[in-house]
Amino acid sequence: MEKAYLEGHAEGRAESRAAFTLRVLEKHGIEVPHDIRERITSCADLDTLTLWFDRSLTASTAEDLFVETPEALQPQTQNNTDQV
């Protein structure tokens, strides 16, 4: 019973992230083709959806969500050289 609850909770979180991503694109006046809308709404991976949401904040086109740049592939690290 608990497993079903957790799966439902994760599914709900994924649906929410997909909806927020689409809303950001729409609010920025970016047209979202059906195939891209389907790709976003059918994704169940929370990390991927978070990445797409973050990209939606600065995207010029819906396709920008899926562009793999060298910077996007680099792990994010903090520079601690300023601390002594």
PDB file of N, CA and C in Angstrom:
ATOM      1  N   MET A   1       0.821  -1.191   0.000  1.00  0.00           N
ATOM      2  CA  MET A   1       0.000   0.000   0.000  1.00  0.00           C
ATOM      3  C   MET A   1       0.869   1.260   0.000  1.00  0.00           C
ATOM      4  N   GLU A   2       1.930   1.251   0.822  1.00  0.00           N
ATOM      5  CA  GLU A   2       2.820   2.409   0.889  1.00  0.00           C
ATOM      6  C   GLU A   2       3.549   2.616  -0.443  1.00  0.00           C
ATOM      7  N   LYS A   3       3.934   1.520  -1.092  1.00  0.00           N
ATOM      8  CA  LYS A   3       4.619   1.617  -2.382  1.00  0.00           C
ATOM      9  C   LYS A   3       3.716   2.289  -3.416  1.00  0.00           C
ATOM     10  N   ALA A   4       2.449   1.910  -3.442  1.00  0.00           N
ATOM     11  CA  ALA A   4       1.500   2.522  -4.377  1.00  0.00           C
ATOM     12  C   ALA A   4       1.354   4.009  -4.088  1.00  0.00           C
ATOM     13  N   TYR A   5       1.327   4.374  -2.806  1.00  0.00           N
ATOM     14  CA  TYR A   5       1.238   5.784  -2.426  1.00  0.00           C
ATOM     15  C   TYR A   5       2.450   6.552  -2.921  1.00  0.00           C
ATOM     16  N   LEU A   6       3.642   6.008  -2.685  1.00  0.00           N
ATOM     17  CA  LEU A   6       4.874   6.684  -3.095  1.00  0.00           C
ATOM     18  C   LEU A   6       4.958   6.816  -4.611  1.00  0.00           C
ATOM     19  N   GLU A   7       4.540   5.777  -5.332  1.00  0.00           N
ATOM     20  CA  GLU A   7       4.537   5.841  -6.794  1.00  0.00           C
ATOM     21  C   GLU A   7       3.563   6.908  -7.283  1.00  0.00           C
ATOM     22  N   GLY A   8       2.397   6.963  -6.651  1.00  0.00           N
ATOM     23  CA  GLY A   8       1.415   7.988  -7.011  1.00  0.00           C
ATOM     24  C   GLY A   8       1.923   9.381  -6.699  1.00  0.00           C
ATOM     25  N   HIS A   9       2.620   9.520  -5.584  1.00  0.00           N
ATOM     26  CA  HIS A   9       3.194  10.817  -5.199  1.00  0.00           C
ATOM     27  C   HIS A   9       4.243  11.260  -6.213  1.00  0.00           C
ATOM     28  N   ALA A  10       5.126  10.348  -6.607  1.00  0.00           N
ATOM     29  CA  ALA A  10       6.163  10.673  -7.592  1.00  0.00           C
ATOM     30  C   ALA A  10       5.533  11.018  -8.935  1.00  0.00           C
ATOM     31  N   GLU A  11       4.493  10.289  -9.313  1.00  0.00           N
ATOM     32  CA  GLU A  11       3.816  10.568 -10.575  1.00  0.00           C
ATOM     33  C   GLU A  11       3.175  11.957 -10.545  1.00  0.00           C
ATOM     34  N   GLY A  12       2.582  12.297  -9.409  1.00  0.00           N
ATOM     35  CA  GLY A  12       1.985  13.626  -9.253  1.00  0.00           C
ATOM     36  C   GLY A  12       3.022  14.726  -9.333  1.00  0.00           C
ATOM     37  N   ARG A  13       4.186  14.492  -8.746  1.00  0.00           N
ATOM     38  CA  ARG A  13       5.266  15.484  -8.822  1.00  0.00           C
ATOM     39  C   ARG A  13       5.739  15.662 -10.255  1.00  0.00           C
ATOM     40  N   ALA A  14       5.854  14.572 -10.991  1.00  0.00           N
ATOM     41  CA  ALA A  14       6.279  14.650 -12.387  1.00  0.00           C
ATOM     42  C   ALA A  14       5.248  15.417 -13.217  1.00  0.00           C
ATOM     43  N   GLU A  15       3.981  15.128 -12.992  1.00  0.00           N
ATOM     44  CA  GLU A  15       2.930  15.839 -13.729  1.00  0.00           C
ATOM     45  C   GLU A  15       2.968  17.334 -13.423  1.00  0.00           C
ATOM     46  N   SER A  16       3.213  17.688 -12.174  1.00  0.00           N
ATOM     47  CA  SER A  16       3.286  19.101 -11.795  1.00  0.00           C
ATOM     48  C   SER A  16       4.470  19.794 -12.456  1.00  0.00           C
ATOM     49  N   ARG A  17       5.621  19.138 -12.448  1.00  0.00           N
ATOM     50  CA  ARG A  17       6.802  19.752 -13.075  1.00  0.00           C
ATOM     51  C   ARG A  17       6.602  19.925 -14.569  1.00  0.00           C
ATOM     52  N   ALA A  18       5.990  18.948 -15.202  1.00  0.00           N
ATOM     53  CA  ALA A  18       5.705  19.064 -16.633  1.00  0.00           C
ATOM     54  C   ALA A  18       4.754  20.229 -16.882  1.00  0.00           C
ATOM     55  N   ALA A  19       3.728  20.345 -16.059  1.00  0.00           N
ATOM     56  CA  ALA A  19       2.753  21.423 -16.220  1.00  0.00           C
ATOM     57  C   ALA A  19       3.404  22.784 -16.010  1.00  0.00           C
ATOM     58  N   PHE A  20       4.278  22.902 -15.013  1.00  0.00           N
ATOM     59  CA  PHE A  20       4.958  24.176 -14.772  1.00  0.00           C
ATOM     60  C   PHE A  20       5.884  24.539 -15.926  1.00  0.00           C
ATOM     61  N   THR A  21       6.561  23.551 -16.474  1.00  0.00           N
ATOM     62  CA  THR A  21       7.447  23.792 -17.611  1.00  0.00           C
ATOM     63  C   THR A  21       6.651  24.320 -18.804  1.00  0.00           C
ATOM     64  N   LEU A  22       5.543  23.676 -19.095  1.00  0.00           N
ATOM     65  CA  LEU A  22       4.702  24.126 -20.203  1.00  0.00           C
ATOM     66  C   LEU A  22       4.142  25.520 -19.934  1.00  0.00           C
ATOM     67  N   ARG A  23       3.769  25.789 -18.703  1.00  0.00           N
ATOM     68  CA  ARG A  23       3.221  27.102 -18.362  1.00  0.00           C
ATOM     69  C   ARG A  23       4.259  28.204 -18.553  1.00  0.00           C
ATOM     70  N   VAL A  24       5.487  27.962 -18.144  1.00  0.00           N
ATOM     71  CA  VAL A  24       6.542  28.964 -18.332  1.00  0.00           C
ATOM     72  C   VAL A  24       6.712  29.262 -19.817  1.00  0.00           C
ATOM     73  N   LEU A  25       6.780  28.217 -20.628  1.00  0.00           N
ATOM     74  CA  LEU A  25       6.933  28.426 -22.070  1.00  0.00           C
ATOM     75  C   LEU A  25       5.770  29.243 -22.622  1.00  0.00           C
ATOM     76  N   GLU A  26       4.562  28.877 -22.232  1.00  0.00           N
ATOM     77  CA  GLU A  26       3.379  29.587 -22.722  1.00  0.00           C
ATOM     78  C   GLU A  26       3.370  31.043 -22.262  1.00  0.00           C
ATOM     79  N   LYS A  27       3.751  31.297 -21.017  1.00  0.00           N
ATOM     80  CA  LYS A  27       3.778  32.665 -20.500  1.00  0.00           C
ATOM     81  C   LYS A  27       4.842  33.516 -21.192  1.00  0.00           C
ATOM     82  N   HIS A  28       5.876  32.870 -21.699  1.00  0.00           N
ATOM     83  CA  HIS A  28       6.909  33.581 -22.461  1.00  0.00           C
ATOM     84  C   HIS A  28       6.533  33.707 -23.934  1.00  0.00           C
ATOM     85  N   GLY A  29       5.341  33.261 -24.289  1.00  0.00           N
ATOM     86  CA  GLY A  29       4.880  33.372 -25.664  1.00  0.00           C
ATOM     87  C   GLY A  29       5.520  32.380 -26.608  1.00  0.00           C
ATOM     88  N   ILE A  30       6.021  31.275 -26.073  1.00  0.00           N
ATOM     89  CA  ILE A  30       6.692  30.267 -26.885  1.00  0.00           C
ATOM     90  C   ILE A  30       5.682  29.191 -27.270  1.00  0.00           C
ATOM     91  N   GLU A  31       5.543  28.977 -28.576  1.00  0.00           N
ATOM     92  CA  GLU A  31       4.642  27.937 -29.072  1.00  0.00           C
ATOM     93  C   GLU A  31       5.249  26.572 -28.774  1.00  0.00           C
ATOM     94  N   VAL A  32       4.409  25.674 -28.278  1.00  0.00           N
ATOM     95  CA  VAL A  32       4.859  24.322 -27.949  1.00  0.00           C
ATOM     96  C   VAL A  32       4.163  23.341 -28.883  1.00  0.00           C
ATOM     97  N   PRO A  33       4.903  22.807 -29.856  1.00  0.00           N
ATOM     98  CA  PRO A  33       4.310  21.837 -30.778  1.00  0.00           C
ATOM     99  C   PRO A  33       3.819  20.591 -30.037  1.00  0.00           C
ATOM    100  N   HIS A  34       2.871  19.905 -30.641  1.00  0.00           N
ATOM    101  CA  HIS A  34       2.260  18.734 -30.013  1.00  0.00           C
ATOM    102  C   HIS A  34       3.298  17.683 -29.609  1.00  0.00           C
ATOM    103  N   ASP A  35       4.284  17.415 -30.477  1.00  0.00           N
ATOM    104  CA  ASP A  35       5.261  16.369 -30.169  1.00  0.00           C
ATOM    105  C   ASP A  35       6.110  16.736 -28.960  1.00  0.00           C
ATOM    106  N   ILE A  36       6.432  18.008 -28.807  1.00  0.00           N
ATOM    107  CA  ILE A  36       7.222  18.436 -27.646  1.00  0.00           C
ATOM    108  C   ILE A  36       6.362  18.417 -26.388  1.00  0.00           C
ATOM    109  N   ARG A  37       5.116  18.860 -26.498  1.00  0.00           N
ATOM    110  CA  ARG A  37       4.188  18.796 -25.363  1.00  0.00           C
ATOM    111  C   ARG A  37       4.057  17.346 -24.884  1.00  0.00           C
ATOM    112  N   GLU A  38       3.935  16.415 -25.819  1.00  0.00           N
ATOM    113  CA  GLU A  38       3.821  14.994 -25.483  1.00  0.00           C
ATOM    114  C   GLU A  38       5.093  14.490 -24.810  1.00  0.00           C
ATOM    115  N   ARG A  39       6.240  14.910 -25.302  1.00  0.00           N
ATOM    116  CA  ARG A  39       7.514  14.477 -24.713  1.00  0.00           C
ATOM    117  C   ARG A  39       7.628  14.957 -23.268  1.00  0.00           C
ATOM    118  N   ILE A  40       7.213  16.185 -23.022  1.00  0.00           N
ATOM    119  CA  ILE A  40       7.292  16.739 -21.671  1.00  0.00           C
ATOM    120  C   ILE A  40       6.300  16.046 -20.746  1.00  0.00           C
ATOM    121  N   THR A  41       5.058  15.914 -21.176  1.00  0.00           N
ATOM    122  CA  THR A  41       4.036  15.356 -20.297  1.00  0.00           C
ATOM    123  C   THR A  41       4.178  13.851 -20.081  1.00  0.00           C
ATOM    124  N   SER A  42       4.880  13.166 -20.975  1.00  0.00           N
ATOM    125  CA  SER A  42       5.050  11.715 -20.805  1.00  0.00           C
ATOM    126  C   SER A  42       6.314  11.365 -20.019  1.00  0.00           C
ATOM    127  N   CYS A  43       7.148  12.347 -19.716  1.00  0.00           N
ATOM    128  CA  CYS A  43       8.379  12.096 -18.971  1.00  0.00           C
ATOM    129  C   CYS A  43       8.058  11.872 -17.489  1.00  0.00           C
ATOM    130  N   ALA A  44       8.636  10.846 -16.906  1.00  0.00           N
ATOM    131  CA  ALA A  44       8.421  10.532 -15.493  1.00  0.00           C
ATOM    132  C   ALA A  44       9.672  10.750 -14.653  1.00  0.00           C
ATOM    133  N   ASP A  45      10.772  11.154 -15.287  1.00  0.00           N
ATOM    134  CA  ASP A  45      12.040  11.340 -14.581  1.00  0.00           C
ATOM    135  C   ASP A  45      12.096  12.752 -13.991  1.00  0.00           C
ATOM    136  N   LEU A  46      12.101  12.853 -12.672  1.00  0.00           N
ATOM    137  CA  LEU A  46      12.063  14.166 -12.014  1.00  0.00           C
ATOM    138  C   LEU A  46      13.301  15.005 -12.301  1.00  0.00           C
ATOM    139  N   ASP A  47      14.468  14.370 -12.391  1.00  0.00           N
ATOM    140  CA  ASP A  47      15.691  15.129 -12.693  1.00  0.00           C
ATOM    141  C   ASP A  47      15.622  15.744 -14.088  1.00  0.00           C
ATOM    142  N   THR A  48      15.140  14.981 -15.048  1.00  0.00           N
ATOM    143  CA  THR A  48      15.002  15.489 -16.417  1.00  0.00           C
ATOM    144  C   THR A  48      13.993  16.621 -16.460  1.00  0.00           C
ATOM    145  N   LEU A  49      12.861  16.437 -15.792  1.00  0.00           N
ATOM    146  CA  LEU A  49      11.840  17.483 -15.773  1.00  0.00           C
ATOM    147  C   LEU A  49      12.344  18.753 -15.097  1.00  0.00           C
ATOM    148  N   THR A  50      13.149  18.599 -14.055  1.00  0.00           N
ATOM    149  CA  THR A  50      13.737  19.772 -13.386  1.00  0.00           C
ATOM    150  C   THR A  50      14.688  20.499 -14.324  1.00  0.00           C
ATOM    151  N   LEU A  51      15.502  19.751 -15.056  1.00  0.00           N
ATOM    152  CA  LEU A  51      16.403  20.345 -16.031  1.00  0.00           C
ATOM    153  C   LEU A  51      15.619  21.106 -17.088  1.00  0.00           C
ATOM    154  N   TRP A  52      14.564  20.489 -17.613  1.00  0.00           N
ATOM    155  CA  TRP A  52      13.742  21.141 -18.633  1.00  0.00           C
ATOM    156  C   TRP A  52      13.062  22.382 -18.078  1.00  0.00           C
ATOM    157  N   PHE A  53      12.588  22.324 -16.834  1.00  0.00           N
ATOM    158  CA  PHE A  53      11.977  23.506 -16.220  1.00  0.00           C
ATOM    159  C   PHE A  53      12.995  24.634 -16.133  1.00  0.00           C
ATOM    160  N   ASP A  54      14.189  24.327 -15.634  1.00  0.00           N
ATOM    161  CA  ASP A  54      15.235  25.348 -15.530  1.00  0.00           C
ATOM    162  C   ASP A  54      15.533  25.965 -16.893  1.00  0.00           C
ATOM    163  N   ARG A  55      15.615  25.138 -17.916  1.00  0.00           N
ATOM    164  CA  ARG A  55      15.882  25.635 -19.261  1.00  0.00           C
ATOM    165  C   ARG A  55      14.714  26.457 -19.804  1.00  0.00           C
ATOM    166  N   SER A  56      13.492  26.137 -19.373  1.00  0.00           N
ATOM    167  CA  SER A  56      12.326  26.867 -19.861  1.00  0.00           C
ATOM    168  C   SER A  56      12.360  28.335 -19.437  1.00  0.00           C
ATOM    169  N   LEU A  57      13.055  28.619 -18.352  1.00  0.00           N
ATOM    170  CA  LEU A  57      13.115  29.987 -17.845  1.00  0.00           C
ATOM    171  C   LEU A  57      13.866  30.926 -18.785  1.00  0.00           C
ATOM    172  N   THR A  58      14.767  30.378 -19.592  1.00  0.00           N
ATOM    173  CA  THR A  58      15.567  31.210 -20.501  1.00  0.00           C
ATOM    174  C   THR A  58      15.426  30.790 -21.968  1.00  0.00           C
ATOM    175  N   ALA A  59      14.538  29.858 -22.248  1.00  0.00           N
ATOM    176  CA  ALA A  59      14.389  29.334 -23.611  1.00  0.00           C
ATOM    177  C   ALA A  59      13.795  30.363 -24.562  1.00  0.00           C
ATOM    178  N   SER A  60      14.220  30.298 -25.815  1.00  0.00           N
ATOM    179  CA  SER A  60      13.648  31.110 -26.887  1.00  0.00           C
ATOM    180  C   SER A  60      12.653  30.303 -27.707  1.00  0.00           C
ATOM    181  N   THR A  61      12.853  28.978 -27.726  1.00  0.00           N
ATOM    182  CA  THR A  61      11.962  28.061 -28.432  1.00  0.00           C
ATOM    183  C   THR A  61      11.748  26.843 -27.533  1.00  0.00           C
ATOM    184  N   ALA A  62      10.708  26.097 -27.823  1.00  0.00           N
ATOM    185  CA  ALA A  62      10.447  24.878 -27.054  1.00  0.00           C
ATOM    186  C   ALA A  62      11.579  23.865 -27.239  1.00  0.00           C
ATOM    187  N   GLU A  63      12.180  23.868 -28.398  1.00  0.00           N
ATOM    188  CA  GLU A  63      13.275  22.940 -28.686  1.00  0.00           C
ATOM    189  C   GLU A  63      14.492  23.200 -27.807  1.00  0.00           C
ATOM    190  N   ASP A  64      14.619  24.426 -27.285  1.00  0.00           N
ATOM    191  CA  ASP A  64      15.755  24.764 -26.424  1.00  0.00           C
ATOM    192  C   ASP A  64      15.814  23.906 -25.168  1.00  0.00           C
ATOM    193  N   LEU A  65      14.706  23.317 -24.771  1.00  0.00           N
ATOM    194  CA  LEU A  65      14.704  22.469 -23.578  1.00  0.00           C
ATOM    195  C   LEU A  65      15.603  21.259 -23.757  1.00  0.00           C
ATOM    196  N   PHE A  66      15.766  20.809 -24.986  1.00  0.00           N
ATOM    197  CA  PHE A  66      16.439  19.542 -25.256  1.00  0.00           C
ATOM    198  C   PHE A  66      17.839  19.696 -25.819  1.00  0.00           C
ATOM    199  N   VAL A  67      18.313  20.916 -25.959  1.00  0.00           N
ATOM    200  CA  VAL A  67      19.644  21.161 -26.523  1.00  0.00           C
ATOM    201  C   VAL A  67      20.700  20.772 -25.504  1.00  0.00           C
ATOM    202  N   GLU A  68      21.606  19.932 -25.937  1.00  0.00           N
ATOM    203  CA  GLU A  68      22.717  19.527 -25.072  1.00  0.00           C
ATOM    204  C   GLU A  68      23.936  20.368 -25.417  1.00  0.00           C
ATOM    205  N   THR A  69      24.307  21.229 -24.503  1.00  0.00           N
ATOM    206  CA  THR A  69      25.486  22.060 -24.688  1.00  0.00           C
ATOM    207  C   THR A  69      26.610  21.501 -23.826  1.00  0.00           C
ATOM    208  N   PRO A  70      27.851  21.815 -24.145  1.00  0.00           N
ATOM    209  CA  PRO A  70      28.951  21.345 -23.294  1.00  0.00           C
ATOM    210  C   PRO A  70      28.779  21.792 -21.842  1.00  0.00           C
ATOM    211  N   GLU A  71      28.250  23.004 -21.634  1.00  0.00           N
ATOM    212  CA  GLU A  71      28.045  23.505 -20.279  1.00  0.00           C
ATOM    213  C   GLU A  71      26.998  22.672 -19.552  1.00  0.00           C
ATOM    214  N   ALA A  72      25.965  22.260 -20.261  1.00  0.00           N
ATOM    215  CA  ALA A  72      24.888  21.481 -19.645  1.00  0.00           C
ATOM    216  C   ALA A  72      25.375  20.094 -19.234  1.00  0.00           C
ATOM    217  N   LEU A  73      26.389  19.599 -19.916  1.00  0.00           N
ATOM    218  CA  LEU A  73      26.895  18.270 -19.614  1.00  0.00           C
ATOM    219  C   LEU A  73      27.917  18.282 -18.487  1.00  0.00           C
ATOM    220  N   GLN A  74      28.443  19.453 -18.121  1.00  0.00           N
ATOM    221  CA  GLN A  74      29.432  19.577 -17.070  1.00  0.00           C
ATOM    222  C   GLN A  74      28.749  19.502 -15.708  1.00  0.00           C
ATOM    223  N   PRO A  75      29.311  18.767 -14.757  1.00  0.00           N
ATOM    224  CA  PRO A  75      28.730  18.770 -13.417  1.00  0.00           C
ATOM    225  C   PRO A  75      28.914  20.147 -12.779  1.00  0.00           C
ATOM    226  N   GLN A  76      27.926  20.574 -12.037  1.00  0.00           N
ATOM    227  CA  GLN A  76      27.991  21.866 -11.369  1.00  0.00           C
ATOM    228  C   GLN A  76      28.840  21.731 -10.115  1.00  0.00           C
ATOM    229  N   THR A  77      29.869  22.571  -9.999  1.00  0.00           N
ATOM    230  CA  THR A  77      30.707  22.571  -8.803  1.00  0.00           C
ATOM    231  C   THR A  77      30.851  23.990  -8.318  1.00  0.00           C
ATOM    232  N   GLN A  78      31.065  24.112  -7.015  1.00  0.00           N
ATOM    233  CA  GLN A  78      31.287  25.421  -6.455  1.00  0.00           C
ATOM    234  C   GLN A  78      32.780  25.676  -6.396  1.00  0.00           C
ATOM    235  N   ASN A  79      33.145  26.913  -6.632  1.00  0.00           N
ATOM    236  CA  ASN A  79      34.537  27.310  -6.558  1.00  0.00           C
ATOM    237  C   ASN A  79      34.825  27.778  -5.137  1.00  0.00           C
ATOM    238  N   ASN A  80      35.619  27.017  -4.420  1.00  0.00           N
ATOM    239  CA  ASN A  80      35.928  27.356  -3.031  1.00  0.00           C
ATOM    240  C   ASN A  80      37.269  28.021  -2.881  1.00  0.00           C
ATOM    241  N   THR A  81      37.838  28.559  -3.958  1.00  0.00           N
ATOM    242  CA  THR A  81      39.158  29.161  -3.879  1.00  0.00           C
ATOM    243  C   THR A  81      39.135  30.497  -3.156  1.00  0.00           C
ATOM    244  N   ASP A  82      37.930  31.121  -3.022  1.00  0.00           N
ATOM    245  CA  ASP A  82      37.836  32.405  -2.340  1.00  0.00           C
ATOM    246  C   ASP A  82      37.878  32.256  -0.827  1.00  0.00           C
ATOM    247  N   GLN A  83      37.662  31.041  -0.344  1.00  0.00           N
ATOM    248  CA  GLN A  83      37.669  30.826   1.096  1.00  0.00           C
ATOM    249  C   GLN A  83      39.060  30.474   1.566  1.00  0.00           C
ATOM    250  N   VAL A  84      39.403  30.964   2.735  1.00  0.00           N
ATOM    251  CA  VAL A  84      40.733  30.677   3.295  1.00  0.00           C
ATOM    252  C   VAL A  84      40.588  29.836   4.518  1.00  0.00           C
TER     253      VAL A  84
END
